[in-house]
Amino acid sequence: LDDAVSRILYYKFKLGLFEDPYKFSDERRESVTLLNDKFV
């Protein structure tokens, strides 16, 4: 059980979510990133 939980927690730490759980939830970045000219 601890092995499985550790594997999952590792990536939550790796992604920096314990320091900033909302770092990926940026509405401003979302608005300028989706379907931008470079990606199109």
Full PDB file with SEQRES, HELIX, SHEET, SSBOND, CRYST1, ORIGX, SCALE, CONECT and MASTER records, all heavy atoms in Angstrom:
SEQRES   1 A   40  LEU ASP ASP ALA VAL SER ARG ILE LEU TYR TYR LYS PHE          
SEQRES   2 A   40  LYS LEU GLY LEU PHE GLU ASP PRO TYR LYS PHE SER ASP          
SEQRES   3 A   40  GLU ARG ARG GLU SER VAL THR LEU LEU ASN ASP LYS PHE          
SEQRES   4 A   40  VAL                                                          
HELIX    1 AA1 ASP A    2  LYS A   14  1                                  13    
HELIX    2 AA2 GLU A   27  THR A   33  1                                   7    
CRYST1    1.000    1.000    1.000  90.00  90.00  90.00 P 1           1          
ORIGX1      1.000000  0.000000  0.000000        0.00000                         
ORIGX2      0.000000  1.000000  0.000000        0.00000                         
ORIGX3      0.000000  0.000000  1.000000        0.00000                         
SCALE1      1.000000  0.000000  0.000000        0.00000                         
SCALE2      0.000000  1.000000  0.000000        0.00000                         
SCALE3      0.000000  0.000000  1.000000        0.00000                         
ATOM      1  N   LEU A   1       0.823  -1.194   0.000  1.00  0.00           N  
ATOM      2  CA  LEU A   1       0.000   0.000   0.000  1.00  0.00           C  
ATOM      3  C   LEU A   1       0.865   1.255   0.000  1.00  0.00           C  
ATOM      4  O   LEU A   1       0.646   2.176  -0.801  1.00  0.00           O  
ATOM      5  CB  LEU A   1      -0.923   0.000   1.214  1.00  0.00           C  
ATOM      6  CG  LEU A   1      -1.809   1.243   1.387  1.00  0.00           C  
ATOM      7  CD1 LEU A   1      -2.774   1.392   0.219  1.00  0.00           C  
ATOM      8  CD2 LEU A   1      -2.565   1.179   2.710  1.00  0.00           C  
ATOM      9  N   ASP A   2       1.867   1.298   0.871  1.00  0.00           N  
ATOM     10  CA  ASP A   2       2.732   2.475   0.953  1.00  0.00           C  
ATOM     11  C   ASP A   2       3.518   2.688  -0.335  1.00  0.00           C  
ATOM     12  O   ASP A   2       3.773   3.830  -0.739  1.00  0.00           O  
ATOM     13  CB  ASP A   2       3.691   2.345   2.134  1.00  0.00           C  
ATOM     14  CG  ASP A   2       2.997   2.565   3.472  1.00  0.00           C  
ATOM     15  OD1 ASP A   2       1.804   2.945   3.471  1.00  0.00           O  
ATOM     16  OD2 ASP A   2       3.633   2.362   4.516  1.00  0.00           O  
ATOM     17  N   ASP A   3       3.901   1.595  -0.970  1.00  0.00           N  
ATOM     18  CA  ASP A   3       4.620   1.718  -2.242  1.00  0.00           C  
ATOM     19  C   ASP A   3       3.748   2.405  -3.284  1.00  0.00           C  
ATOM     20  O   ASP A   3       4.192   3.330  -3.984  1.00  0.00           O  
ATOM     21  CB  ASP A   3       5.051   0.343  -2.737  1.00  0.00           C  
ATOM     22  CG  ASP A   3       5.625   0.394  -4.145  1.00  0.00           C  
ATOM     23  OD1 ASP A   3       6.730   0.947  -4.322  1.00  0.00           O  
ATOM     24  OD2 ASP A   3       4.973  -0.111  -5.082  1.00  0.00           O  
ATOM     25  N   ALA A   4       2.499   1.973  -3.417  1.00  0.00           N  
ATOM     26  CA  ALA A   4       1.598   2.560  -4.407  1.00  0.00           C  
ATOM     27  C   ALA A   4       1.334   4.026  -4.105  1.00  0.00           C  
ATOM     28  O   ALA A   4       1.376   4.887  -4.998  1.00  0.00           O  
ATOM     29  CB  ALA A   4       0.288   1.782  -4.450  1.00  0.00           C  
ATOM     30  N   VAL A   5       1.045   4.334  -2.840  1.00  0.00           N  
ATOM     31  CA  VAL A   5       0.761   5.716  -2.456  1.00  0.00           C  
ATOM     32  C   VAL A   5       1.997   6.587  -2.667  1.00  0.00           C  
ATOM     33  O   VAL A   5       1.895   7.729  -3.149  1.00  0.00           O  
ATOM     34  CB  VAL A   5       0.281   5.783  -0.997  1.00  0.00           C  
ATOM     35  CG1 VAL A   5       0.064   7.239  -0.567  1.00  0.00           C  
ATOM     36  CG2 VAL A   5      -1.005   4.983  -0.822  1.00  0.00           C  
ATOM     37  N   SER A   6       3.166   6.060  -2.353  1.00  0.00           N  
ATOM     38  CA  SER A   6       4.409   6.820  -2.527  1.00  0.00           C  
ATOM     39  C   SER A   6       4.640   7.184  -3.985  1.00  0.00           C  
ATOM     40  O   SER A   6       5.099   8.293  -4.296  1.00  0.00           O  
ATOM     41  CB  SER A   6       5.601   6.007  -2.009  1.00  0.00           C  
ATOM     42  OG  SER A   6       5.508   5.793  -0.621  1.00  0.00           O  
ATOM     43  N   ARG A   7       4.351   6.258  -4.881  1.00  0.00           N  
ATOM     44  CA  ARG A   7       4.539   6.521  -6.310  1.00  0.00           C  
ATOM     45  C   ARG A   7       3.651   7.678  -6.773  1.00  0.00           C  
ATOM     46  O   ARG A   7       4.059   8.511  -7.585  1.00  0.00           O  
ATOM     47  CB  ARG A   7       4.225   5.253  -7.118  1.00  0.00           C  
ATOM     48  CG  ARG A   7       5.252   4.139  -6.948  1.00  0.00           C  
ATOM     49  CD  ARG A   7       4.778   2.830  -7.559  1.00  0.00           C  
ATOM     50  NE  ARG A   7       5.749   1.765  -7.407  1.00  0.00           N  
ATOM     51  CZ  ARG A   7       6.676   1.436  -8.311  1.00  0.00           C  
ATOM     52  NH1 ARG A   7       6.731   2.089  -9.463  1.00  0.00           N  
ATOM     53  NH2 ARG A   7       7.524   0.462  -8.088  1.00  0.00           N  
ATOM     54  N   ILE A   8       2.427   7.733  -6.265  1.00  0.00           N  
ATOM     55  CA  ILE A   8       1.502   8.805  -6.642  1.00  0.00           C  
ATOM     56  C   ILE A   8       1.920  10.134  -6.006  1.00  0.00           C  
ATOM     57  O   ILE A   8       1.960  11.177  -6.672  1.00  0.00           O  
ATOM     58  CB  ILE A   8       0.070   8.427  -6.231  1.00  0.00           C  
ATOM     59  CG1 ILE A   8      -0.388   7.197  -7.030  1.00  0.00           C  
ATOM     60  CG2 ILE A   8      -0.893   9.598  -6.431  1.00  0.00           C  
ATOM     61  CD1 ILE A   8      -1.596   6.494  -6.448  1.00  0.00           C  
ATOM     62  N   LEU A   9       2.244  10.089  -4.709  1.00  0.00           N  
ATOM     63  CA  LEU A   9       2.660  11.307  -4.022  1.00  0.00           C  
ATOM     64  C   LEU A   9       3.929  11.893  -4.626  1.00  0.00           C  
ATOM     65  O   LEU A   9       4.096  13.121  -4.669  1.00  0.00           O  
ATOM     66  CB  LEU A   9       2.891  11.022  -2.535  1.00  0.00           C  
ATOM     67  CG  LEU A   9       1.652  10.700  -1.703  1.00  0.00           C  
ATOM     68  CD1 LEU A   9       2.057  10.350  -0.274  1.00  0.00           C  
ATOM     69  CD2 LEU A   9       0.668  11.874  -1.712  1.00  0.00           C  
ATOM     70  N   TYR A  10       4.818  11.026  -5.115  1.00  0.00           N  
ATOM     71  CA  TYR A  10       6.078  11.509  -5.692  1.00  0.00           C  
ATOM     72  C   TYR A  10       5.805  12.546  -6.778  1.00  0.00           C  
ATOM     73  O   TYR A  10       6.458  13.602  -6.831  1.00  0.00           O  
ATOM     74  CB  TYR A  10       6.887  10.350  -6.267  1.00  0.00           C  
ATOM     75  CG  TYR A  10       8.141  10.817  -6.984  1.00  0.00           C  
ATOM     76  CD1 TYR A  10       9.316  11.050  -6.279  1.00  0.00           C  
ATOM     77  CD2 TYR A  10       8.130  11.064  -8.362  1.00  0.00           C  
ATOM     78  CE1 TYR A  10      10.457  11.511  -6.926  1.00  0.00           C  
ATOM     79  CE2 TYR A  10       9.262  11.529  -9.015  1.00  0.00           C  
ATOM     80  CZ  TYR A  10      10.422  11.742  -8.297  1.00  0.00           C  
ATOM     81  OH  TYR A  10      11.547  12.202  -8.939  1.00  0.00           O  
ATOM     82  N   TYR A  11       4.845  12.256  -7.650  1.00  0.00           N  
ATOM     83  CA  TYR A  11       4.597  13.180  -8.756  1.00  0.00           C  
ATOM     84  C   TYR A  11       3.840  14.423  -8.319  1.00  0.00           C  
ATOM     85  O   TYR A  11       3.951  15.481  -8.945  1.00  0.00           O  
ATOM     86  CB  TYR A  11       3.911  12.448  -9.907  1.00  0.00           C  
ATOM     87  CG  TYR A  11       4.931  11.652 -10.682  1.00  0.00           C  
ATOM     88  CD1 TYR A  11       5.111  10.293 -10.446  1.00  0.00           C  
ATOM     89  CD2 TYR A  11       5.773  12.279 -11.582  1.00  0.00           C  
ATOM     90  CE1 TYR A  11       6.088   9.574 -11.120  1.00  0.00           C  
ATOM     91  CE2 TYR A  11       6.754  11.572 -12.263  1.00  0.00           C  
ATOM     92  CZ  TYR A  11       6.909  10.231 -12.025  1.00  0.00           C  
ATOM     93  OH  TYR A  11       7.884   9.536 -12.678  1.00  0.00           O  
ATOM     94  N   LYS A  12       3.109  14.343  -7.236  1.00  0.00           N  
ATOM     95  CA  LYS A  12       2.493  15.556  -6.704  1.00  0.00           C  
ATOM     96  C   LYS A  12       3.570  16.484  -6.137  1.00  0.00           C  
ATOM     97  O   LYS A  12       3.495  17.708  -6.302  1.00  0.00           O  
ATOM     98  CB  LYS A  12       1.455  15.194  -5.644  1.00  0.00           C  
ATOM     99  CG  LYS A  12       0.258  14.428  -6.211  1.00  0.00           C  
ATOM    100  CD  LYS A  12      -0.839  14.194  -5.190  1.00  0.00           C  
ATOM    101  CE  LYS A  12      -2.039  13.496  -5.845  1.00  0.00           C  
ATOM    102  NZ  LYS A  12      -3.181  13.351  -4.930  1.00  0.00           N  
ATOM    103  N   PHE A  13       4.571  15.908  -5.513  1.00  0.00           N  
ATOM    104  CA  PHE A  13       5.711  16.703  -5.062  1.00  0.00           C  
ATOM    105  C   PHE A  13       6.546  17.180  -6.249  1.00  0.00           C  
ATOM    106  O   PHE A  13       6.962  18.340  -6.310  1.00  0.00           O  
ATOM    107  CB  PHE A  13       6.589  15.883  -4.114  1.00  0.00           C  
ATOM    108  CG  PHE A  13       6.048  15.749  -2.719  1.00  0.00           C  
ATOM    109  CD1 PHE A  13       5.620  14.527  -2.239  1.00  0.00           C  
ATOM    110  CD2 PHE A  13       5.966  16.849  -1.876  1.00  0.00           C  
ATOM    111  CE1 PHE A  13       5.121  14.391  -0.956  1.00  0.00           C  
ATOM    112  CE2 PHE A  13       5.471  16.726  -0.582  1.00  0.00           C  
ATOM    113  CZ  PHE A  13       5.044  15.489  -0.117  1.00  0.00           C  
ATOM    114  N   LYS A  14       6.795  16.294  -7.193  1.00  0.00           N  
ATOM    115  CA  LYS A  14       7.619  16.624  -8.358  1.00  0.00           C  
ATOM    116  C   LYS A  14       7.039  17.797  -9.135  1.00  0.00           C  
ATOM    117  O   LYS A  14       7.780  18.675  -9.609  1.00  0.00           O  
ATOM    118  CB  LYS A  14       7.716  15.392  -9.274  1.00  0.00           C  
ATOM    119  CG  LYS A  14       8.463  15.607 -10.581  1.00  0.00           C  
ATOM    120  CD  LYS A  14       9.952  15.652 -10.394  1.00  0.00           C  
ATOM    121  CE  LYS A  14      10.680  15.672 -11.729  1.00  0.00           C  
ATOM    122  NZ  LYS A  14      12.137  15.819 -11.557  1.00  0.00           N  
ATOM    123  N   LEU A  15       5.717  17.841  -9.254  1.00  0.00           N  
ATOM    124  CA  LEU A  15       5.051  18.922  -9.978  1.00  0.00           C  
ATOM    125  C   LEU A  15       4.992  20.225  -9.174  1.00  0.00           C  
ATOM    126  O   LEU A  15       4.553  21.252  -9.692  1.00  0.00           O  
ATOM    127  CB  LEU A  15       3.625  18.501 -10.353  1.00  0.00           C  
ATOM    128  CG  LEU A  15       3.504  17.425 -11.432  1.00  0.00           C  
ATOM    129  CD1 LEU A  15       2.079  16.881 -11.491  1.00  0.00           C  
ATOM    130  CD2 LEU A  15       3.902  17.983 -12.794  1.00  0.00           C  
ATOM    131  N   GLY A  16       5.398  20.173  -7.909  1.00  0.00           N  
ATOM    132  CA  GLY A  16       5.389  21.376  -7.081  1.00  0.00           C  
ATOM    133  C   GLY A  16       4.022  21.748  -6.549  1.00  0.00           C  
ATOM    134  O   GLY A  16       3.792  22.900  -6.155  1.00  0.00           O  
ATOM    135  N   LEU A  17       3.114  20.776  -6.493  1.00  0.00           N  
ATOM    136  CA  LEU A  17       1.750  21.084  -6.085  1.00  0.00           C  
ATOM    137  C   LEU A  17       1.615  21.339  -4.588  1.00  0.00           C  
ATOM    138  O   LEU A  17       0.672  22.003  -4.158  1.00  0.00           O  
ATOM    139  CB  LEU A  17       0.809  19.952  -6.504  1.00  0.00           C  
ATOM    140  CG  LEU A  17       0.703  19.706  -8.010  1.00  0.00           C  
ATOM    141  CD1 LEU A  17      -0.258  18.557  -8.299  1.00  0.00           C  
ATOM    142  CD2 LEU A  17       0.264  20.969  -8.739  1.00  0.00           C  
ATOM    143  N   PHE A  18       2.537  20.821  -3.788  1.00  0.00           N  
ATOM    144  CA  PHE A  18       2.471  21.094  -2.348  1.00  0.00           C  
ATOM    145  C   PHE A  18       2.903  22.528  -2.050  1.00  0.00           C  
ATOM    146  O   PHE A  18       2.456  23.120  -1.064  1.00  0.00           O  
ATOM    147  CB  PHE A  18       3.330  20.098  -1.573  1.00  0.00           C  
ATOM    148  CG  PHE A  18       2.668  18.765  -1.372  1.00  0.00           C  
ATOM    149  CD1 PHE A  18       2.787  17.764  -2.327  1.00  0.00           C  
ATOM    150  CD2 PHE A  18       1.905  18.510  -0.248  1.00  0.00           C  
ATOM    151  CE1 PHE A  18       2.177  16.534  -2.155  1.00  0.00           C  
ATOM    152  CE2 PHE A  18       1.273  17.285  -0.067  1.00  0.00           C  
ATOM    153  CZ  PHE A  18       1.412  16.293  -1.024  1.00  0.00           C  
ATOM    154  N   GLU A  19       3.771  23.091  -2.908  1.00  0.00           N  
ATOM    155  CA  GLU A  19       4.194  24.475  -2.726  1.00  0.00           C  
ATOM    156  C   GLU A  19       3.143  25.437  -3.295  1.00  0.00           C  
ATOM    157  O   GLU A  19       2.836  26.464  -2.692  1.00  0.00           O  
ATOM    158  CB  GLU A  19       5.537  24.728  -3.425  1.00  0.00           C  
ATOM    159  CG  GLU A  19       6.732  24.137  -2.692  1.00  0.00           C  
ATOM    160  CD  GLU A  19       6.725  22.612  -2.716  1.00  0.00           C  
ATOM    161  OE1 GLU A  19       6.869  22.031  -3.812  1.00  0.00           O  
ATOM    162  OE2 GLU A  19       6.566  22.013  -1.623  1.00  0.00           O  
ATOM    163  N   ASP A  20       2.607  25.100  -4.463  1.00  0.00           N  
ATOM    164  CA  ASP A  20       1.596  25.944  -5.097  1.00  0.00           C  
ATOM    165  C   ASP A  20       0.584  25.047  -5.803  1.00  0.00           C  
ATOM    166  O   ASP A  20       0.770  24.683  -6.958  1.00  0.00           O  
ATOM    167  CB  ASP A  20       2.238  26.908  -6.092  1.00  0.00           C  
ATOM    168  CG  ASP A  20       1.219  27.850  -6.724  1.00  0.00           C  
ATOM    169  OD1 ASP A  20       0.016  27.745  -6.401  1.00  0.00           O  
ATOM    170  OD2 ASP A  20       1.620  28.694  -7.548  1.00  0.00           O  
ATOM    171  N   PRO A  21      -0.478  24.674  -5.115  1.00  0.00           N  
ATOM    172  CA  PRO A  21      -1.463  23.752  -5.696  1.00  0.00           C  
ATOM    173  C   PRO A  21      -2.171  24.312  -6.927  1.00  0.00           C  
ATOM    174  O   PRO A  21      -2.775  23.563  -7.695  1.00  0.00           O  
ATOM    175  CB  PRO A  21      -2.464  23.533  -4.557  1.00  0.00           C  
ATOM    176  CG  PRO A  21      -1.795  24.023  -3.327  1.00  0.00           C  
ATOM    177  CD  PRO A  21      -0.847  25.086  -3.764  1.00  0.00           C  
ATOM    178  N   TYR A  22      -2.098  25.636  -7.119  1.00  0.00           N  
ATOM    179  CA  TYR A  22      -2.867  26.288  -8.179  1.00  0.00           C  
ATOM    180  C   TYR A  22      -1.972  26.784  -9.319  1.00  0.00           C  
ATOM    181  O   TYR A  22      -2.415  27.559 -10.170  1.00  0.00           O  
ATOM    182  CB  TYR A  22      -3.650  27.467  -7.593  1.00  0.00           C  
ATOM    183  CG  TYR A  22      -4.268  27.161  -6.253  1.00  0.00           C  
ATOM    184  CD1 TYR A  22      -3.824  27.790  -5.091  1.00  0.00           C  
ATOM    185  CD2 TYR A  22      -5.277  26.196  -6.140  1.00  0.00           C  
ATOM    186  CE1 TYR A  22      -4.373  27.484  -3.856  1.00  0.00           C  
ATOM    187  CE2 TYR A  22      -5.833  25.890  -4.903  1.00  0.00           C  
ATOM    188  CZ  TYR A  22      -5.372  26.533  -3.766  1.00  0.00           C  
ATOM    189  OH  TYR A  22      -5.921  26.215  -2.539  1.00  0.00           O  
ATOM    190  N   LYS A  23      -0.721  26.336  -9.335  1.00  0.00           N  
ATOM    191  CA  LYS A  23       0.229  26.878 -10.297  1.00  0.00           C  
ATOM    192  C   LYS A  23      -0.173  26.591 -11.748  1.00  0.00           C  
ATOM    193  O   LYS A  23       0.202  27.330 -12.649  1.00  0.00           O  
ATOM    194  CB  LYS A  23       1.633  26.328 -10.014  1.00  0.00           C  
ATOM    195  CG  LYS A  23       1.760  24.823 -10.143  1.00  0.00           C  
ATOM    196  CD  LYS A  23       3.124  24.320  -9.645  1.00  0.00           C  
ATOM    197  CE  LYS A  23       4.267  24.768 -10.510  1.00  0.00           C  
ATOM    198  NZ  LYS A  23       5.544  24.120 -10.115  1.00  0.00           N  
ATOM    199  N   PHE A  24      -0.937  25.543 -11.979  1.00  0.00           N  
ATOM    200  CA  PHE A  24      -1.374  25.226 -13.331  1.00  0.00           C  
ATOM    201  C   PHE A  24      -2.712  25.897 -13.680  1.00  0.00           C  
ATOM    202  O   PHE A  24      -3.102  25.908 -14.841  1.00  0.00           O  
ATOM    203  CB  PHE A  24      -1.520  23.707 -13.506  1.00  0.00           C  
ATOM    204  CG  PHE A  24      -0.204  22.978 -13.551  1.00  0.00           C  
ATOM    205  CD1 PHE A  24       0.490  22.686 -12.392  1.00  0.00           C  
ATOM    206  CD2 PHE A  24       0.346  22.589 -14.757  1.00  0.00           C  
ATOM    207  CE1 PHE A  24       1.700  22.016 -12.425  1.00  0.00           C  
ATOM    208  CE2 PHE A  24       1.563  21.911 -14.809  1.00  0.00           C  
ATOM    209  CZ  PHE A  24       2.245  21.630 -13.637  1.00  0.00           C  
ATOM    210  N   SER A  25      -3.388  26.417 -12.673  1.00  0.00           N  
ATOM    211  CA  SER A  25      -4.726  26.991 -12.872  1.00  0.00           C  
ATOM    212  C   SER A  25      -4.638  28.502 -13.003  1.00  0.00           C  
ATOM    213  O   SER A  25      -5.021  29.252 -12.101  1.00  0.00           O  
ATOM    214  CB  SER A  25      -5.640  26.585 -11.711  1.00  0.00           C  
ATOM    215  OG  SER A  25      -5.711  25.179 -11.606  1.00  0.00           O  
ATOM    216  N   ASP A  26      -4.136  28.934 -14.128  1.00  0.00           N  
ATOM    217  CA  ASP A  26      -3.871  30.353 -14.369  1.00  0.00           C  
ATOM    218  C   ASP A  26      -4.760  30.815 -15.527  1.00  0.00           C  
ATOM    219  O   ASP A  26      -4.485  30.523 -16.698  1.00  0.00           O  
ATOM    220  CB  ASP A  26      -2.392  30.537 -14.707  1.00  0.00           C  
ATOM    221  CG  ASP A  26      -1.997  31.993 -14.884  1.00  0.00           C  
ATOM    222  OD1 ASP A  26      -2.865  32.817 -15.208  1.00  0.00           O  
ATOM    223  OD2 ASP A  26      -0.797  32.306 -14.729  1.00  0.00           O  
ATOM    224  N   GLU A  27      -5.826  31.518 -15.211  1.00  0.00           N  
ATOM    225  CA  GLU A  27      -6.784  31.927 -16.244  1.00  0.00           C  
ATOM    226  C   GLU A  27      -6.170  32.869 -17.271  1.00  0.00           C  
ATOM    227  O   GLU A  27      -6.514  32.824 -18.454  1.00  0.00           O  
ATOM    228  CB  GLU A  27      -8.002  32.587 -15.592  1.00  0.00           C  
ATOM    229  CG  GLU A  27      -8.868  31.612 -14.808  1.00  0.00           C  
ATOM    230  CD  GLU A  27     -10.114  32.279 -14.251  1.00  0.00           C  
ATOM    231  OE1 GLU A  27     -10.957  32.701 -15.068  1.00  0.00           O  
ATOM    232  OE2 GLU A  27     -10.223  32.372 -13.011  1.00  0.00           O  
ATOM    233  N   ARG A  28      -5.244  33.716 -16.847  1.00  0.00           N  
ATOM    234  CA  ARG A  28      -4.604  34.619 -17.808  1.00  0.00           C  
ATOM    235  C   ARG A  28      -3.756  33.825 -18.795  1.00  0.00           C  
ATOM    236  O   ARG A  28      -3.830  34.038 -20.010  1.00  0.00           O  
ATOM    237  CB  ARG A  28      -3.732  35.640 -17.072  1.00  0.00           C  
ATOM    238  CG  ARG A  28      -3.151  36.717 -18.015  1.00  0.00           C  
ATOM    239  CD  ARG A  28      -1.936  37.380 -17.411  1.00  0.00           C  
ATOM    240  NE  ARG A  28      -0.854  36.425 -17.233  1.00  0.00           N  
ATOM    241  CZ  ARG A  28      -0.048  36.027 -18.218  1.00  0.00           C  
ATOM    242  NH1 ARG A  28      -0.233  36.479 -19.450  1.00  0.00           N  
ATOM    243  NH2 ARG A  28       0.911  35.161 -17.972  1.00  0.00           N  
ATOM    244  N   ARG A  29      -2.959  32.897 -18.280  1.00  0.00           N  
ATOM    245  CA  ARG A  29      -2.137  32.076 -19.176  1.00  0.00           C  
ATOM    246  C   ARG A  29      -3.017  31.230 -20.089  1.00  0.00           C  
ATOM    247  O   ARG A  29      -2.718  31.041 -21.268  1.00  0.00           O  
ATOM    248  CB  ARG A  29      -1.196  31.175 -18.362  1.00  0.00           C  
ATOM    249  CG  ARG A  29      -0.253  30.339 -19.241  1.00  0.00           C  
ATOM    250  CD  ARG A  29       0.896  29.778 -18.431  1.00  0.00           C  
ATOM    251  NE  ARG A  29       0.523  28.694 -17.569  1.00  0.00           N  
ATOM    252  CZ  ARG A  29       0.583  27.396 -17.915  1.00  0.00           C  
ATOM    253  NH1 ARG A  29       0.993  27.054 -19.123  1.00  0.00           N  
ATOM    254  NH2 ARG A  29       0.237  26.465 -17.063  1.00  0.00           N  
ATOM    255  N   GLU A  30      -4.114  30.728 -19.550  1.00  0.00           N  
ATOM    256  CA  GLU A  30      -5.036  29.936 -20.357  1.00  0.00           C  
ATOM    257  C   GLU A  30      -5.568  30.759 -21.533  1.00  0.00           C  
ATOM    258  O   GLU A  30      -5.616  30.286 -22.676  1.00  0.00           O  
ATOM    259  CB  GLU A  30      -6.194  29.455 -19.487  1.00  0.00           C  
ATOM    260  CG  GLU A  30      -7.198  28.572 -20.206  1.00  0.00           C  
ATOM    261  CD  GLU A  30      -8.321  28.134 -19.273  1.00  0.00           C  
ATOM    262  OE1 GLU A  30      -8.684  28.914 -18.361  1.00  0.00           O  
ATOM    263  OE2 GLU A  30      -8.833  27.013 -19.449  1.00  0.00           O  
ATOM    264  N   SER A  31      -5.929  32.008 -21.284  1.00  0.00           N  
ATOM    265  CA  SER A  31      -6.544  32.831 -22.328  1.00  0.00           C  
ATOM    266  C   SER A  31      -5.575  33.159 -23.449  1.00  0.00           C  
ATOM    267  O   SER A  31      -5.982  33.295 -24.611  1.00  0.00           O  
ATOM    268  CB  SER A  31      -7.100  34.121 -21.718  1.00  0.00           C  
ATOM    269  OG  SER A  31      -6.049  34.959 -21.254  1.00  0.00           O  
ATOM    270  N   VAL A  32      -4.287  33.278 -23.155  1.00  0.00           N  
ATOM    271  CA  VAL A  32      -3.319  33.645 -24.204  1.00  0.00           C  
ATOM    272  C   VAL A  32      -2.652  32.433 -24.836  1.00  0.00           C  
ATOM    273  O   VAL A  32      -1.963  32.573 -25.853  1.00  0.00           O  
ATOM    274  CB  VAL A  32      -2.236  34.596 -23.643  1.00  0.00           C  
ATOM    275  CG1 VAL A  32      -2.866  35.876 -23.124  1.00  0.00           C  
ATOM    276  CG2 VAL A  32      -1.405  33.917 -22.560  1.00  0.00           C  
ATOM    277  N   THR A  33      -2.863  31.267 -24.255  1.00  0.00           N  
ATOM    278  CA  THR A  33      -2.182  30.073 -24.759  1.00  0.00           C  
ATOM    279  C   THR A  33      -3.040  29.295 -25.742  1.00  0.00           C  
ATOM    280  O   THR A  33      -2.563  28.866 -26.798  1.00  0.00           O  
ATOM    281  CB  THR A  33      -1.783  29.154 -23.585  1.00  0.00           C  
ATOM    282  OG1 THR A  33      -0.899  29.860 -22.712  1.00  0.00           O  
ATOM    283  CG2 THR A  33      -1.072  27.901 -24.098  1.00  0.00           C  
ATOM    284  N   LEU A  34      -4.302  29.087 -25.413  1.00  0.00           N  
ATOM    285  CA  LEU A  34      -5.139  28.221 -26.233  1.00  0.00           C  
ATOM    286  C   LEU A  34      -5.334  28.797 -27.636  1.00  0.00           C  
ATOM    287  O   LEU A  34      -5.666  29.966 -27.809  1.00  0.00           O  
ATOM    288  CB  LEU A  34      -6.510  28.017 -25.577  1.00  0.00           C  
ATOM    289  CG  LEU A  34      -6.529  27.444 -24.160  1.00  0.00           C  
ATOM    290  CD1 LEU A  34      -7.947  27.069 -23.763  1.00  0.00           C  
ATOM    291  CD2 LEU A  34      -5.591  26.261 -24.011  1.00  0.00           C  
ATOM    292  N   LEU A  35      -5.093  27.941 -28.617  1.00  0.00           N  
ATOM    293  CA  LEU A  35      -5.320  28.273 -30.023  1.00  0.00           C  
ATOM    294  C   LEU A  35      -4.561  29.547 -30.431  1.00  0.00           C  
ATOM    295  O   LEU A  35      -5.051  30.352 -31.221  1.00  0.00           O  
ATOM    296  CB  LEU A  35      -6.821  28.435 -30.296  1.00  0.00           C  
ATOM    297  CG  LEU A  35      -7.310  28.074 -31.707  1.00  0.00           C  
ATOM    298  CD1 LEU A  35      -7.160  26.590 -31.982  1.00  0.00           C  
ATOM    299  CD2 LEU A  35      -8.761  28.490 -31.895  1.00  0.00           C  
ATOM    300  N   ASN A  36      -3.361  29.736 -29.887  1.00  0.00           N  
ATOM    301  CA  ASN A  36      -2.602  30.922 -30.283  1.00  0.00           C  
ATOM    302  C   ASN A  36      -2.004  30.738 -31.673  1.00  0.00           C  
ATOM    303  O   ASN A  36      -1.936  29.629 -32.201  1.00  0.00           O  
ATOM    304  CB  ASN A  36      -1.532  31.270 -29.240  1.00  0.00           C  
ATOM    305  CG  ASN A  36      -0.409  30.252 -29.175  1.00  0.00           C  
ATOM    306  OD1 ASN A  36       0.273  29.984 -30.170  1.00  0.00           O  
ATOM    307  ND2 ASN A  36      -0.189  29.678 -27.997  1.00  0.00           N  
ATOM    308  N   ASP A  37      -1.568  31.828 -32.277  1.00  0.00           N  
ATOM    309  CA  ASP A  37      -1.117  31.807 -33.675  1.00  0.00           C  
ATOM    310  C   ASP A  37       0.051  30.848 -33.893  1.00  0.00           C  
ATOM    311  O   ASP A  37       0.126  30.175 -34.929  1.00  0.00           O  
ATOM    312  CB  ASP A  37      -0.722  33.218 -34.110  1.00  0.00           C  
ATOM    313  CG  ASP A  37      -1.914  34.152 -34.223  1.00  0.00           C  
ATOM    314  OD1 ASP A  37      -3.055  33.648 -34.262  1.00  0.00           O  
ATOM    315  OD2 ASP A  37      -1.708  35.380 -34.269  1.00  0.00           O  
ATOM    316  N   LYS A  38       0.961  30.791 -32.929  1.00  0.00           N  
ATOM    317  CA  LYS A  38       2.120  29.912 -33.062  1.00  0.00           C  
ATOM    318  C   LYS A  38       1.701  28.457 -33.146  1.00  0.00           C  
ATOM    319  O   LYS A  38       2.206  27.686 -33.981  1.00  0.00           O  
ATOM    320  CB  LYS A  38       3.063  30.120 -31.870  1.00  0.00           C  
ATOM    321  CG  LYS A  38       4.290  29.219 -31.877  1.00  0.00           C  
ATOM    322  CD  LYS A  38       5.130  29.457 -30.627  1.00  0.00           C  
ATOM    323  CE  LYS A  38       6.319  28.497 -30.565  1.00  0.00           C  
ATOM    324  NZ  LYS A  38       7.120  28.707 -29.322  1.00  0.00           N  
ATOM    325  N   PHE A  39       0.758  28.064 -32.301  1.00  0.00           N  
ATOM    326  CA  PHE A  39       0.307  26.673 -32.288  1.00  0.00           C  
ATOM    327  C   PHE A  39      -0.494  26.344 -33.546  1.00  0.00           C  
ATOM    328  O   PHE A  39      -0.382  25.251 -34.096  1.00  0.00           O  
ATOM    329  CB  PHE A  39      -0.527  26.404 -31.038  1.00  0.00           C  
ATOM    330  CG  PHE A  39       0.266  26.433 -29.744  1.00  0.00           C  
ATOM    331  CD1 PHE A  39      -0.365  26.280 -28.527  1.00  0.00           C  
ATOM    332  CD2 PHE A  39       1.641  26.603 -29.753  1.00  0.00           C  
ATOM    333  CE1 PHE A  39       0.352  26.296 -27.338  1.00  0.00           C  
ATOM    334  CE2 PHE A  39       2.373  26.631 -28.567  1.00  0.00           C  
ATOM    335  CZ  PHE A  39       1.729  26.482 -27.360  1.00  0.00           C  
ATOM    336  N   VAL A  40      -1.310  27.285 -33.989  1.00  0.00           N  
ATOM    337  CA  VAL A  40      -2.111  27.060 -35.194  1.00  0.00           C  
ATOM    338  C   VAL A  40      -1.201  26.873 -36.408  1.00  0.00           C  
ATOM    339  O   VAL A  40      -1.423  25.986 -37.239  1.00  0.00           O  
ATOM    340  CB  VAL A  40      -3.093  28.225 -35.409  1.00  0.00           C  
ATOM    341  CG1 VAL A  40      -3.751  28.144 -36.784  1.00  0.00           C  
ATOM    342  CG2 VAL A  40      -4.164  28.220 -34.323  1.00  0.00           C  
TER     343      VAL A  40                                                      
MASTER        0    0    0    2    0    0    0    6  342    1    0    4          
END                                                                             
